[in-house]
């Protein structure tokens, strides 16, 4: 590293100095400005160059700086960073996010979760699926529309059968251990549903009684008959209450593993959910709560027929992943083979400028996987069926892309993976408190295929001007009227009438400088402290370089750098290195 030189009374920053300052020694961000870009739009299919954006090429990028860029509307494609010109583009792209702990799953999202669970358990009729819909997902047309207390009739029957089998196994264990006589044939258990009218009378505390079994009475009666018919036979005189208590103790672990509690009550074996009325029975897999932060319970079960795994790995080239990506692009997106090459795949989904931050047992601010770019693999019986490309950043998991096996379209893997990623954020937040959000990429209100993102509620959209987060419920009626809206103008409005007039108005310039907007980014950026990469090992502030250029060259650079500052913001322009190389 070259020795730092002094000029104009200030020390030049080197790669170990200004570039990495303020980010805890996580490296430096080095970017090259690519300027404006025009392209055709894949959403409205206009055919004209109606999609406008600003681009940067990044050689290295800290996760802190990329988090700040994402919170200004930027995204990445490989090492290329881009920010849509919202006001001029045909289809404005709003950054959308969800606070994972506040997520409330919809009925459709719960059905997607349960569909995967039935597939893993081997109870899903794969043939009963319809064709792919416009969003590339599929909908199962089996009996999921029949809902009884939150569980489909077939699903509930299967779960009741499962519990009955668990009771029968417990009876066999008791016979082998000598708790019950072992030289007789005992009756089989049968689980019954408890009708809602009786639940409140029998449940305790905040629980809700769901199922009950009277097998203890049947076993006790069998033992009494045996003693009456054969007085000299060794048989127990266990009462129904005692038998129920013994079996309930054996069933406790099985029930809790599936989100239930079990207790003996006057000879009955009762199964309870942990919350009243608000929970949905999730057959063979536990309870899905409408109010719980984690929407899915995916655990290994004794009854499962397929081995389902999720693996998180750092971004790297994997031929199996590439083969799946190619199959997905050719089948789902109708790409031609010459457009789906290894090199294009690497540029799009493998290459990343993000500097990896490994986990540190002594640092609670870093999640167990570390920070950086990752591929989340979904496997069934060892076969790769989907890959989610994600970035793990200080405040969020940012979903970049998902590709999946078209043969498994009936599992709605797009929706399922989103639910898993939300679950991951909730779990990771326990280790890394700052990581609270799930970013779903861009939301385009004018594109019907993109509206599914707003179904993950309650979501927020990023204001394209002030970079404030505005609830989707506030944004939607505005976007119904106009494609491009400065959302923060209306989030703080107290006058509904003026709000509507502003949306219908066309003079956006009147809104740009409303309130007390004093941000220098809007009125001409201050270029003095922009960090410039003069050579690979030399960093200087722009104010210390002005004299090095002739007037025409200086004027050109000032216009370029001013455009850059307006795109990334003053704070980031003083942290990231703007490369002149």
Protein backbone atom coordinates (compact mmCIF):
# COMPACT_ATOMS: atom_id res chain seq x y z
CA UNK A 1 0.00 0.00 0.00
CA UNK A 2 1.39 3.36 -1.00
CA UNK A 3 2.23 5.81 1.72
CA UNK A 4 -0.39 8.50 2.21
CA UNK A 5 0.60 11.97 1.03
CA UNK A 6 -0.46 15.33 2.40
CA UNK A 7 -1.87 17.99 0.20
CA UNK A 8 -3.66 21.20 1.07
CA UNK A 9 -3.25 20.48 4.78
CA UNK A 10 -5.20 17.17 4.63
CA UNK A 11 -4.05 13.58 4.45
CA UNK A 12 -5.18 11.55 1.47
CA UNK A 13 -7.28 8.50 2.29
CA UNK A 14 -5.90 5.11 1.31
CA UNK A 15 -7.74 1.84 0.87
CA UNK A 16 -7.33 1.20 4.56
CA UNK A 17 -8.71 4.57 5.51
CA UNK A 18 -11.62 6.55 4.14
CA UNK A 19 -13.08 3.70 2.15
CA UNK A 20 -13.60 1.49 5.14
CA UNK A 21 -14.30 4.14 7.72
CA UNK A 22 -17.47 3.88 9.72
CA UNK A 23 -18.23 0.26 8.84
CA UNK A 24 -16.37 -1.55 11.57
CA UNK A 25 -13.45 -2.67 9.41
CA UNK A 26 -15.71 -4.52 6.95
CA UNK A 27 -13.74 -3.36 3.91
CA UNK A 28 -14.53 -0.66 1.39
CA UNK A 29 -17.03 -0.19 -1.38
CA UNK A 30 -15.53 0.55 -4.78
CA UNK A 31 -17.93 1.58 -7.56
CA UNK A 32 -17.69 2.86 -11.11
CA UNK A 33 -20.49 5.04 -12.42
CA UNK A 34 -22.18 3.63 -15.54
CA UNK A 35 -24.61 6.51 -15.84
CA UNK A 36 -28.16 6.41 -17.26
CA UNK A 37 -29.43 3.41 -19.16
CA UNK A 38 -32.45 2.91 -21.40
CA UNK A 39 -33.94 -0.49 -22.14
CA UNK A 40 -37.17 -2.21 -23.12
CA UNK A 41 -39.60 -3.17 -20.39
CA UNK A 42 -40.34 -6.81 -19.71
CA UNK A 43 -43.49 -5.95 -17.77
CA UNK A 44 -45.61 -3.83 -20.10
CA UNK A 45 -43.92 -5.23 -23.27
CA UNK A 46 -44.03 -1.81 -24.92
CA UNK A 47 -41.14 -2.65 -27.24
CA UNK A 48 -39.73 0.88 -26.88
CA UNK A 49 -36.84 2.03 -24.67
CA UNK A 50 -39.19 3.08 -21.89
CA UNK A 51 -37.34 1.59 -18.92
CA UNK A 52 -34.82 4.07 -17.51
CA UNK A 53 -32.33 3.52 -14.71
CA UNK A 54 -29.01 4.65 -13.26
CA UNK A 55 -26.23 2.06 -13.09
CA UNK A 56 -23.07 1.39 -11.10
CA UNK A 57 -20.52 -1.37 -11.55
CA UNK A 58 -19.12 -2.53 -8.22
CA UNK A 59 -15.82 -4.27 -7.64
CA UNK A 60 -16.44 -4.58 -3.91
CA UNK A 61 -19.33 -3.53 -1.71
CA UNK A 62 -19.80 -3.66 2.05
CA UNK A 63 -23.07 -5.07 3.35
CA UNK A 64 -23.65 -1.81 5.26
CA UNK A 65 -23.33 0.29 2.12
CA UNK A 66 -25.52 -2.05 0.10
CA UNK A 67 -28.16 -1.93 2.84
CA UNK A 68 -28.12 1.86 2.55
CA UNK A 69 -28.38 1.61 -1.25
CA UNK A 70 -31.33 -0.78 -1.05
CA UNK A 71 -33.03 1.70 1.26
CA UNK A 72 -32.68 4.26 -1.53
CA UNK A 73 -34.27 2.02 -4.16
CA UNK A 74 -31.20 0.24 -5.54
CA UNK A 75 -30.91 -3.46 -6.43
CA UNK A 76 -28.15 -5.60 -7.87
CA UNK A 77 -27.83 -8.02 -10.75
CA UNK A 78 -24.52 -9.77 -10.16
CA UNK A 79 -21.99 -6.97 -9.71
CA UNK A 80 -24.14 -4.44 -11.55
CA UNK A 81 -26.18 -2.08 -9.35
CA UNK A 82 -29.18 -0.24 -10.73
CA UNK A 83 -31.80 2.21 -9.58
CA UNK A 84 -34.93 2.80 -11.71
CA UNK A 85 -35.78 6.32 -12.77
CA UNK A 86 -39.22 6.12 -11.26
CA UNK A 87 -40.66 9.32 -12.70
CA UNK A 88 -39.64 8.62 -16.29
CA UNK A 89 -40.01 4.84 -16.53
CA UNK A 90 -43.13 3.23 -17.96
CA UNK A 91 -43.53 0.89 -14.98
CA UNK A 92 -42.33 2.52 -11.73
CA UNK A 93 -40.67 -0.03 -9.43
CA UNK A 94 -41.20 0.53 -5.71
CA UNK A 95 -39.00 -1.25 -3.19
CA UNK A 96 -41.22 -3.37 -0.94
CA UNK A 97 -40.47 -4.88 2.45
CA UNK A 98 -42.14 -6.65 5.35
CA UNK A 99 -41.35 -6.63 9.06
CA UNK A 100 -41.15 -10.36 9.65
CA UNK A 101 -42.36 -10.32 13.25
CA UNK A 102 -45.62 -8.64 12.16
CA UNK A 103 -46.35 -11.02 9.29
CA UNK A 104 -49.89 -12.41 9.22
CA UNK A 105 -50.28 -15.32 6.75
CA UNK A 106 -53.28 -15.33 4.46
CA UNK A 107 -55.48 -18.36 3.89
CA UNK A 108 -53.77 -19.00 0.57
CA UNK A 109 -50.32 -18.84 2.16
CA UNK A 110 -51.42 -21.28 4.86
CA UNK A 111 -52.74 -23.61 2.16
CA UNK A 112 -49.36 -23.48 0.40
CA UNK A 113 -47.62 -24.45 3.62
CA UNK A 114 -50.02 -27.30 4.31
CA UNK A 115 -49.76 -28.51 0.71
CA UNK A 116 -46.01 -28.95 1.11
CA UNK A 117 -46.51 -30.77 4.39
CA UNK A 118 -48.99 -33.17 2.77
CA UNK A 119 -46.57 -33.78 -0.07
CA UNK A 120 -43.77 -34.61 2.38
CA UNK A 121 -46.11 -36.92 4.29
CA UNK A 122 -47.21 -38.63 1.08
CA UNK A 123 -50.89 -37.69 1.41
CA UNK A 124 -51.06 -35.13 -1.43
CA UNK A 125 -52.66 -36.26 -4.68
CA UNK A 126 -50.15 -34.78 -7.11
CA UNK A 127 -52.43 -35.40 -10.08
CA UNK A 128 -55.07 -33.03 -8.72
CA UNK A 129 -53.32 -29.85 -9.80
CA UNK A 130 -54.16 -27.31 -12.43
CA UNK A 131 -51.96 -25.66 -15.01
CA UNK A 132 -49.49 -22.91 -14.26
CA UNK A 133 -51.12 -19.54 -13.78
CA UNK A 134 -49.81 -16.20 -14.98
CA UNK A 135 -47.43 -15.79 -12.03
CA UNK A 136 -45.76 -19.12 -12.70
CA UNK A 137 -47.36 -20.68 -9.63
CA UNK A 138 -49.89 -23.48 -9.52
CA UNK A 139 -53.00 -24.01 -7.44
CA UNK A 140 -54.00 -27.33 -5.96
CA UNK A 141 -57.66 -28.14 -6.58
CA UNK A 142 -58.03 -30.93 -4.06
CA UNK A 143 -60.25 -30.53 -0.99
CA UNK A 144 -58.42 -27.49 0.36
CA UNK A 145 -61.50 -25.33 -0.02
CA UNK A 146 -63.31 -27.45 2.55
CA UNK A 147 -62.26 -25.85 5.82
CA UNK A 148 -63.49 -26.99 9.20
CA UNK A 149 -62.05 -25.00 12.10
CA UNK A 150 -59.08 -24.11 9.88
CA UNK A 151 -58.24 -27.66 8.71
CA UNK A 152 -59.51 -29.34 5.54
CA UNK A 153 -61.83 -32.31 6.26
CA UNK A 154 -59.48 -34.87 4.71
CA UNK A 155 -56.48 -33.34 6.44
CA UNK A 156 -58.18 -33.38 9.85
CA UNK A 157 -59.25 -37.01 9.42
CA UNK A 158 -55.66 -37.93 8.59
CA UNK A 159 -54.39 -36.12 11.65
CA UNK A 160 -56.97 -37.85 13.86
CA UNK A 161 -55.85 -41.20 12.46
CA UNK A 162 -52.24 -40.25 13.22
CA UNK A 163 -53.09 -39.45 16.87
CA UNK A 164 -55.04 -42.70 17.19
CA UNK A 165 -52.01 -44.65 15.99
CA UNK A 166 -49.82 -42.83 18.52
CA UNK A 167 -52.20 -43.86 21.35
CA UNK A 168 -52.14 -47.47 20.14
CA UNK A 169 -48.34 -47.42 20.15
CA UNK A 170 -48.40 -46.05 23.70
CA UNK A 171 -50.70 -48.91 24.75
CA UNK A 172 -48.21 -51.41 23.28
CA UNK A 173 -45.37 -49.73 25.17
CA UNK A 174 -47.36 -49.98 28.42
CA UNK A 175 -48.04 -53.67 27.80
CA UNK A 176 -44.34 -54.39 27.22
CA UNK A 177 -43.34 -52.46 30.34
CA UNK A 178 -45.88 -54.27 32.52
CA UNK A 179 -48.06 -51.22 33.19
CA UNK A 180 -50.90 -53.02 31.34
CA UNK A 181 -51.45 -56.81 31.15
CA UNK A 182 -49.55 -58.27 28.20
CA UNK A 183 -51.43 -61.54 27.69
CA UNK A 184 -54.69 -60.09 26.32
CA UNK A 185 -56.00 -58.26 23.26
CA UNK A 186 -56.87 -54.64 24.10
CA UNK A 187 -59.18 -52.43 21.99
CA UNK A 188 -57.87 -49.90 19.46
CA UNK A 189 -58.08 -46.18 20.05
CA UNK A 190 -60.35 -43.87 18.11
CA UNK A 191 -59.97 -40.07 18.24
CA UNK A 192 -63.10 -37.92 18.18
CA UNK A 193 -63.44 -34.24 17.33
CA UNK A 194 -64.84 -32.03 20.08
CA UNK A 195 -67.70 -29.90 18.79
CA UNK A 196 -67.20 -26.14 19.31
CA UNK A 197 -70.14 -25.90 21.72
CA UNK A 198 -68.38 -28.17 24.22
CA UNK A 199 -64.90 -26.71 23.89
CA UNK A 200 -65.25 -23.71 26.18
CA UNK A 201 -66.82 -25.87 28.89
CA UNK A 202 -63.96 -28.36 28.98
CA UNK A 203 -60.88 -26.28 28.10
CA UNK A 204 -58.67 -24.65 30.69
CA UNK A 205 -56.93 -21.30 30.72
CA UNK A 206 -56.38 -19.99 27.18
CA UNK A 207 -56.39 -23.42 25.54
CA UNK A 208 -58.94 -24.84 23.16
CA UNK A 209 -60.02 -28.48 23.32
CA UNK A 210 -59.71 -30.00 19.85
CA UNK A 211 -59.76 -33.81 20.15
CA UNK A 212 -60.67 -36.39 22.77
CA UNK A 213 -60.33 -40.17 23.13
CA UNK A 214 -62.21 -42.54 25.48
CA UNK A 215 -59.91 -45.53 25.01
CA UNK A 216 -59.23 -45.63 28.78
CA UNK A 217 -62.87 -46.58 29.45
CA UNK A 218 -62.72 -49.33 26.83
CA UNK A 219 -59.46 -50.76 28.21
CA UNK A 220 -60.82 -50.67 31.77
CA UNK A 221 -64.04 -52.44 30.69
CA UNK A 222 -62.02 -55.12 28.90
CA UNK A 223 -60.00 -55.76 32.03
CA UNK A 224 -63.17 -56.03 34.17
CA UNK A 225 -64.78 -58.50 31.76
CA UNK A 226 -61.62 -60.56 31.70
CA UNK A 227 -61.60 -60.80 35.50
CA UNK A 228 -65.32 -61.66 35.58
CA UNK A 229 -65.03 -64.39 32.95
CA UNK A 230 -61.76 -65.79 34.24
CA UNK A 231 -61.54 -65.13 38.00
CA UNK A 232 -58.15 -66.78 38.33
CA UNK A 233 -56.55 -64.81 35.47
CA UNK A 234 -53.99 -62.26 36.46
CA UNK A 235 -55.42 -58.94 35.36
CA UNK A 236 -55.17 -55.39 36.55
CA UNK A 237 -58.06 -53.44 38.03
CA UNK A 238 -56.92 -50.13 36.55
CA UNK A 239 -59.59 -47.43 36.52
CA UNK A 240 -60.28 -45.30 33.41
CA UNK A 241 -58.76 -42.28 35.21
CA UNK A 242 -55.52 -44.12 35.95
CA UNK A 243 -55.27 -45.56 32.43
CA UNK A 244 -55.86 -42.13 30.86
CA UNK A 245 -53.17 -40.56 33.06
CA UNK A 246 -50.64 -43.27 32.12
CA UNK A 247 -51.30 -42.89 28.39
CA UNK A 248 -51.29 -39.08 28.54
CA UNK A 249 -47.82 -39.15 30.13
CA UNK A 250 -46.56 -41.31 27.25
CA UNK A 251 -48.15 -39.03 24.64
CA UNK A 252 -46.88 -35.74 26.03
CA UNK A 253 -43.74 -35.48 23.90
CA UNK A 254 -45.52 -36.51 20.70
CA UNK A 255 -48.28 -33.95 21.24
CA UNK A 256 -45.94 -31.06 22.10
CA UNK A 257 -43.83 -31.76 19.02
CA UNK A 258 -46.96 -31.07 16.99
CA UNK A 259 -48.08 -27.93 18.80
CA UNK A 260 -50.61 -29.59 21.10
CA UNK A 261 -50.88 -30.27 24.82
CA UNK A 262 -52.38 -33.51 26.17
CA UNK A 263 -54.03 -34.18 29.56
CA UNK A 264 -56.14 -36.85 31.20
CA UNK A 265 -59.52 -35.56 32.32
CA UNK A 266 -61.98 -37.87 34.13
CA UNK A 267 -60.80 -40.85 32.12
CA UNK A 268 -60.65 -39.04 28.77
CA UNK A 269 -57.43 -38.26 26.90
CA UNK A 270 -57.82 -34.68 25.68
CA UNK A 271 -55.73 -32.79 23.14
CA UNK A 272 -55.64 -29.00 23.29
CA UNK A 273 -54.30 -26.22 21.09
CA UNK A 274 -52.27 -23.52 22.84
CA UNK A 275 -54.51 -20.59 21.88
CA UNK A 276 -58.27 -20.19 21.60
CA UNK A 277 -60.09 -19.81 18.31
CA UNK A 278 -57.16 -18.11 16.53
CA UNK A 279 -55.21 -21.24 15.67
CA UNK A 280 -55.42 -23.48 12.65
CA UNK A 281 -54.83 -27.21 12.85
CA UNK A 282 -51.85 -28.15 10.75
CA UNK A 283 -52.22 -31.92 10.11
CA UNK A 284 -49.32 -34.01 11.34
CA UNK A 285 -47.19 -30.91 11.70
CA UNK A 286 -48.54 -28.86 14.58
CA UNK A 287 -50.42 -25.61 14.87
CA UNK A 288 -50.27 -22.66 12.52
CA UNK A 289 -51.39 -19.54 14.35
CA UNK A 290 -52.88 -16.55 12.56
CA UNK A 291 -51.17 -14.30 15.04
CA UNK A 292 -47.85 -16.10 15.53
CA UNK A 293 -44.77 -14.49 13.96
CA UNK A 294 -43.63 -17.77 12.41
CA UNK A 295 -46.10 -19.07 9.88
CA UNK A 296 -44.70 -22.49 9.09
CA UNK A 297 -43.66 -25.45 11.18
CA UNK A 298 -41.46 -27.77 9.11
CA UNK A 299 -40.05 -30.53 11.27
CA UNK A 300 -39.10 -34.12 10.60
CA UNK A 301 -41.97 -36.50 11.30
CA UNK A 302 -42.12 -40.23 11.75
CA UNK A 303 -44.84 -40.47 9.10
CA UNK A 304 -43.13 -38.50 6.33
CA UNK A 305 -42.48 -40.31 3.06
CA UNK A 306 -40.19 -37.73 1.48
CA UNK A 307 -37.04 -36.27 2.96
CA UNK A 308 -37.28 -32.49 2.71
CA UNK A 309 -34.24 -30.30 3.37
CA UNK A 310 -33.30 -26.63 3.17
CA UNK A 311 -29.63 -25.72 2.91
CA UNK A 312 -28.05 -22.27 2.98
CA UNK A 313 -24.69 -21.90 1.22
CA UNK A 314 -22.51 -19.01 0.14
CA UNK A 315 -22.96 -17.90 -3.44
CA UNK A 316 -20.79 -20.04 -5.73
CA UNK A 317 -21.17 -21.85 -9.04
CA UNK A 318 -22.86 -25.23 -8.75
CA UNK A 319 -23.54 -27.21 -11.92
CA UNK A 320 -26.67 -28.83 -10.48
CA UNK A 321 -28.05 -25.38 -9.71
CA UNK A 322 -27.18 -24.16 -13.20
CA UNK A 323 -28.93 -27.17 -14.78
CA UNK A 324 -32.06 -26.43 -12.75
CA UNK A 325 -31.86 -22.73 -13.68
CA UNK A 326 -31.62 -23.62 -17.38
CA UNK A 327 -34.61 -25.95 -17.16
CA UNK A 328 -36.59 -23.25 -15.35
CA UNK A 329 -35.76 -20.48 -17.82
CA UNK A 330 -36.50 -22.60 -20.90
CA UNK A 331 -39.76 -24.00 -19.54
CA UNK A 332 -41.27 -21.19 -17.47
CA UNK A 333 -39.89 -18.10 -19.22
CA UNK A 334 -39.55 -19.58 -22.72
CA UNK A 335 -35.94 -18.43 -23.09
CA UNK A 336 -33.89 -19.80 -25.97
CA UNK A 337 -30.95 -22.11 -25.13
CA UNK A 338 -28.35 -19.68 -26.47
CA UNK A 339 -29.51 -17.09 -23.92
CA UNK A 340 -29.10 -19.43 -20.94
CA UNK A 341 -25.36 -20.01 -20.73
CA UNK A 342 -23.07 -20.72 -17.81
CA UNK A 343 -21.47 -17.29 -18.17
CA UNK A 344 -24.81 -15.44 -18.19
CA UNK A 345 -25.96 -17.46 -15.18
CA UNK A 346 -22.78 -16.62 -13.28
CA UNK A 347 -23.05 -12.91 -14.09
CA UNK A 348 -26.69 -12.82 -13.01
CA UNK A 349 -26.91 -15.05 -9.93
CA UNK A 350 -23.44 -16.14 -8.80
CA UNK A 351 -21.17 -13.11 -9.08
CA UNK A 352 -21.52 -10.71 -6.18
CA UNK A 353 -19.61 -7.63 -5.02
CA UNK A 354 -20.72 -8.09 -1.40
CA UNK A 355 -17.85 -8.57 1.04
CA UNK A 356 -18.60 -11.65 3.12
CA UNK A 357 -18.67 -11.14 6.89
CA UNK A 358 -18.24 -14.50 8.68
CA UNK A 359 -20.14 -15.35 11.86
CA UNK A 360 -18.42 -14.52 15.12
CA UNK A 361 -19.34 -16.21 18.38
CA UNK A 362 -18.33 -13.05 20.22
CA UNK A 363 -20.38 -10.74 18.00
CA UNK A 364 -24.15 -10.94 18.44
CA UNK A 365 -24.61 -8.44 15.60
CA UNK A 366 -23.71 -11.07 12.97
CA UNK A 367 -26.14 -13.93 12.15
CA UNK A 368 -24.95 -17.56 12.31
CA UNK A 369 -24.47 -17.71 8.53
CA UNK A 370 -22.66 -14.36 8.37
CA UNK A 371 -23.49 -11.45 6.05
CA UNK A 372 -23.19 -11.65 2.27
CA UNK A 373 -24.73 -13.40 -0.74
CA UNK A 374 -26.20 -16.88 -0.42
CA UNK A 375 -28.08 -19.59 -2.27
CA UNK A 376 -30.83 -21.31 -0.32
CA UNK A 377 -31.36 -24.80 -1.71
CA UNK A 378 -34.60 -26.78 -1.39
CA UNK A 379 -34.21 -30.55 -1.77
CA UNK A 380 -36.65 -33.46 -1.81
CA UNK A 381 -35.10 -36.91 -1.36
CA UNK A 382 -31.73 -35.37 -2.22
CA UNK A 383 -33.03 -33.86 -5.48
CA UNK A 384 -32.65 -30.10 -5.94
CA UNK A 385 -36.11 -28.64 -6.66
CA UNK A 386 -35.58 -24.91 -6.04
CA UNK A 387 -32.91 -22.31 -5.31
CA UNK A 388 -33.50 -18.93 -3.70
CA UNK A 389 -30.77 -16.35 -4.31
CA UNK A 390 -30.66 -13.98 -1.34
CA UNK A 391 -28.50 -11.32 0.28
CA UNK A 392 -28.22 -11.28 4.07
CA UNK A 393 -27.73 -7.66 5.14
CA UNK A 394 -27.57 -5.91 8.53
CA UNK A 395 -31.30 -5.10 8.55
CA UNK A 396 -32.81 -7.67 6.25
CA UNK A 397 -32.86 -10.73 4.10
CA UNK A 398 -33.16 -9.40 0.56
CA UNK A 399 -34.73 -11.84 -1.89
CA UNK A 400 -33.09 -11.55 -5.29
CA UNK A 401 -34.35 -14.41 -7.44
CA UNK A 402 -35.92 -17.86 -7.23
CA UNK A 403 -35.81 -20.64 -9.79
CA UNK A 404 -37.49 -24.01 -9.41
CA UNK A 405 -38.14 -27.32 -11.09
CA UNK A 406 -41.25 -27.02 -13.32
CA UNK A 407 -42.06 -30.65 -12.44
CA UNK A 408 -42.79 -29.43 -8.89
CA UNK A 409 -44.93 -26.45 -9.89
CA UNK A 410 -47.88 -27.93 -7.97
CA UNK A 411 -46.09 -27.03 -4.71
CA UNK A 412 -46.21 -23.27 -5.42
CA UNK A 413 -42.53 -23.02 -4.59
CA UNK A 414 -42.41 -19.26 -5.10
CA UNK A 415 -44.90 -18.66 -2.31
CA UNK A 416 -43.49 -21.46 -0.17
CA UNK A 417 -39.92 -20.14 -0.37
CA UNK A 418 -41.11 -16.64 0.64
CA UNK A 419 -42.75 -18.12 3.72
CA UNK A 420 -39.55 -19.96 4.57
CA UNK A 421 -37.49 -16.80 4.16
CA UNK A 422 -39.83 -14.88 6.45
CA UNK A 423 -39.51 -17.69 8.97
CA UNK A 424 -35.72 -17.51 8.66
CA UNK A 425 -35.72 -13.78 9.44
CA UNK A 426 -37.80 -14.39 12.57
CA UNK A 427 -35.46 -17.10 13.78
CA UNK A 428 -32.28 -15.18 12.92
CA UNK A 429 -33.47 -12.05 14.69
CA UNK A 430 -32.98 -13.86 18.00
CA UNK A 431 -29.24 -13.91 17.27
CA UNK A 432 -28.99 -10.68 15.25
CA UNK A 433 -31.58 -8.16 16.57
CA UNK A 434 -30.99 -5.64 13.77
CA UNK A 435 -32.10 -8.15 11.12
CA UNK A 436 -35.87 -7.62 11.21
CA UNK A 437 -37.07 -7.21 7.64
CA UNK A 438 -37.77 -9.27 4.55
CA UNK A 439 -37.25 -7.37 1.28
CA UNK A 440 -39.18 -8.77 -1.68
CA UNK A 441 -37.44 -6.72 -4.39
CA UNK A 442 -39.48 -4.37 -6.54
CA UNK A 443 -43.24 -3.98 -6.52
CA UNK A 444 -44.87 -2.75 -9.74
CA UNK A 445 -48.45 -1.83 -9.06
CA UNK A 446 -49.31 -1.53 -12.76
CA UNK A 447 -48.21 -5.13 -13.37
CA UNK A 448 -50.69 -7.78 -12.21
CA UNK A 449 -47.97 -10.44 -12.01
CA UNK A 450 -46.15 -8.40 -9.36
CA UNK A 451 -49.10 -7.73 -7.08
CA UNK A 452 -48.65 -11.05 -5.26
CA UNK A 453 -45.84 -9.38 -3.28
CA UNK A 454 -48.34 -7.14 -1.53
CA UNK A 455 -50.10 -10.27 -0.22
CA UNK A 456 -47.34 -10.65 2.39
CA UNK A 457 -48.86 -8.32 4.92
CA UNK A 458 -48.39 -5.85 6.43
CA UNK A 459 -45.89 -4.57 3.84
CA UNK A 460 -44.40 -1.13 3.18
CA UNK A 461 -43.34 0.69 0.03
CA UNK A 462 -40.34 3.02 -0.22
CA UNK A 463 -41.14 6.61 -1.15
CA UNK A 464 -39.14 7.28 -4.37
CA UNK A 465 -38.24 10.81 -3.33
CA UNK A 466 -37.72 11.08 0.43
CA UNK A 467 -36.89 7.39 0.95
CA UNK A 468 -39.36 7.00 3.79
CA UNK A 469 -41.34 3.78 4.27
CA UNK A 470 -45.08 4.09 3.75
CA UNK A 471 -47.63 1.36 4.60
CA UNK A 472 -48.99 -0.42 1.55
CA UNK A 473 -52.56 0.21 2.67
CA UNK A 474 -51.91 3.94 2.36
CA UNK A 475 -50.04 3.57 -0.94
CA UNK A 476 -52.50 1.34 -2.79
CA UNK A 477 -55.36 3.82 -3.34
CA UNK A 478 -52.83 6.38 -4.56
CA UNK A 479 -51.22 3.97 -7.00
CA UNK A 480 -54.64 2.93 -8.25
CA UNK A 481 -54.93 6.47 -9.61
CA UNK A 482 -51.37 7.30 -10.67
CA UNK A 483 -48.32 5.15 -11.43
CA UNK A 484 -45.71 7.47 -9.95
CA UNK A 485 -46.47 9.00 -6.57
CA UNK A 486 -44.29 10.65 -3.93
CA UNK A 487 -45.77 8.48 -1.23
CA UNK A 488 -44.40 10.37 1.77
CA UNK A 489 -46.44 13.45 0.79
CA UNK A 490 -49.58 11.51 1.57
CA UNK A 491 -48.43 9.43 4.48
CA UNK A 492 -48.28 12.63 6.56
CA UNK A 493 -51.26 14.40 5.01
CA UNK A 494 -54.07 15.33 7.37
CA UNK A 495 -56.47 16.54 4.68
CA UNK A 496 -58.07 13.81 2.59
CA UNK A 497 -59.38 16.27 -0.01
CA UNK A 498 -56.01 17.88 -0.69
CA UNK A 499 -54.46 14.43 -0.82
CA UNK A 500 -56.72 13.40 -3.68
CA UNK A 501 -56.10 16.66 -5.55
CA UNK A 502 -52.36 16.15 -5.31
CA UNK A 503 -52.59 12.66 -6.74
CA UNK A 504 -54.70 13.81 -9.65
CA UNK A 505 -52.48 16.80 -10.31
CA UNK A 506 -49.68 16.59 -12.85
CA UNK A 507 -47.24 19.21 -11.52
CA UNK A 508 -44.90 16.92 -9.60
CA UNK A 509 -42.41 19.80 -9.34
CA UNK A 510 -44.75 21.46 -6.86
CA UNK A 511 -44.42 18.42 -4.63
CA UNK A 512 -40.66 17.98 -4.95
CA UNK A 513 -39.87 20.93 -2.72
CA UNK A 514 -42.92 20.77 -0.48
CA UNK A 515 -42.65 20.78 3.31
CA UNK A 516 -39.20 21.90 4.47
CA UNK A 517 -37.13 19.95 1.98
CA UNK A 518 -33.56 21.15 2.55
CA UNK A 519 -31.66 18.08 1.39
CA UNK A 520 -28.70 19.17 -0.70
CA UNK A 521 -29.34 16.18 -2.99
CA UNK A 522 -32.45 17.97 -4.25
CA UNK A 523 -30.96 21.45 -4.64
CA UNK A 524 -27.51 20.67 -5.98
CA UNK A 525 -25.21 18.26 -4.21
CA UNK A 526 -22.06 19.31 -2.36
CA UNK A 527 -19.24 17.53 -4.17
CA UNK A 528 -16.34 18.55 -1.93
CA UNK A 529 -16.25 15.43 0.25
CA UNK A 530 -17.00 12.82 -2.39
CA UNK A 531 -14.42 10.06 -2.00
CA UNK A 532 -12.51 9.49 -5.23
CA UNK A 533 -10.36 6.50 -6.16
CA UNK A 534 -7.46 8.04 -8.04
CA UNK A 535 -5.41 4.85 -8.26
CA UNK A 536 -5.94 1.37 -6.80
CA UNK A 537 -4.26 2.41 -3.57
CA UNK A 538 -5.01 6.15 -3.35
CA UNK A 539 -8.24 7.81 -2.15
CA UNK A 540 -8.82 11.57 -2.18
CA UNK A 541 -11.69 13.92 -1.48
CA UNK A 542 -12.86 15.73 -4.61
CA UNK A 543 -12.07 19.14 -3.10
CA UNK A 544 -8.39 18.11 -3.05
CA UNK A 545 -8.43 17.12 -6.70
CA UNK A 546 -10.14 20.06 -8.38
CA UNK A 547 -6.87 21.80 -9.10
CA UNK A 548 -5.51 18.73 -10.93
CA UNK A 549 -7.90 19.12 -13.88
CA UNK A 550 -8.20 21.77 -16.54
CA UNK A 551 -11.45 23.77 -16.54
CA UNK A 552 -13.26 21.73 -19.20
CA UNK A 553 -12.26 18.40 -17.64
CA UNK A 554 -13.20 19.68 -14.17
CA UNK A 555 -16.61 20.84 -15.39
CA UNK A 556 -17.28 17.45 -16.99
CA UNK A 557 -16.27 15.58 -13.83
CA UNK A 558 -18.40 17.83 -11.66
CA UNK A 559 -21.49 17.09 -13.74
CA UNK A 560 -20.78 13.34 -13.62
CA UNK A 561 -20.13 13.28 -9.89
CA UNK A 562 -23.13 15.47 -9.15
CA UNK A 563 -25.33 12.98 -10.97
CA UNK A 564 -23.73 10.18 -8.93
CA UNK A 565 -24.31 11.97 -5.61
CA UNK A 566 -27.95 12.57 -6.44
CA UNK A 567 -28.32 8.85 -7.13
CA UNK A 568 -26.56 7.41 -4.07
CA UNK A 569 -26.97 10.26 -1.58
CA UNK A 570 -24.49 12.55 0.12
CA UNK A 571 -23.65 10.22 2.99
CA UNK A 572 -22.81 7.25 0.80
CA UNK A 573 -20.85 9.38 -1.65
CA UNK A 574 -18.51 10.25 1.21
CA UNK A 575 -18.07 6.58 2.20
CA UNK A 576 -18.00 4.61 -1.04
CA UNK A 577 -15.07 5.04 -3.41
CA UNK A 578 -15.95 6.59 -6.77
CA UNK A 579 -13.46 5.07 -9.17
CA UNK A 580 -11.88 7.14 -11.91
CA UNK A 581 -9.93 4.13 -13.19
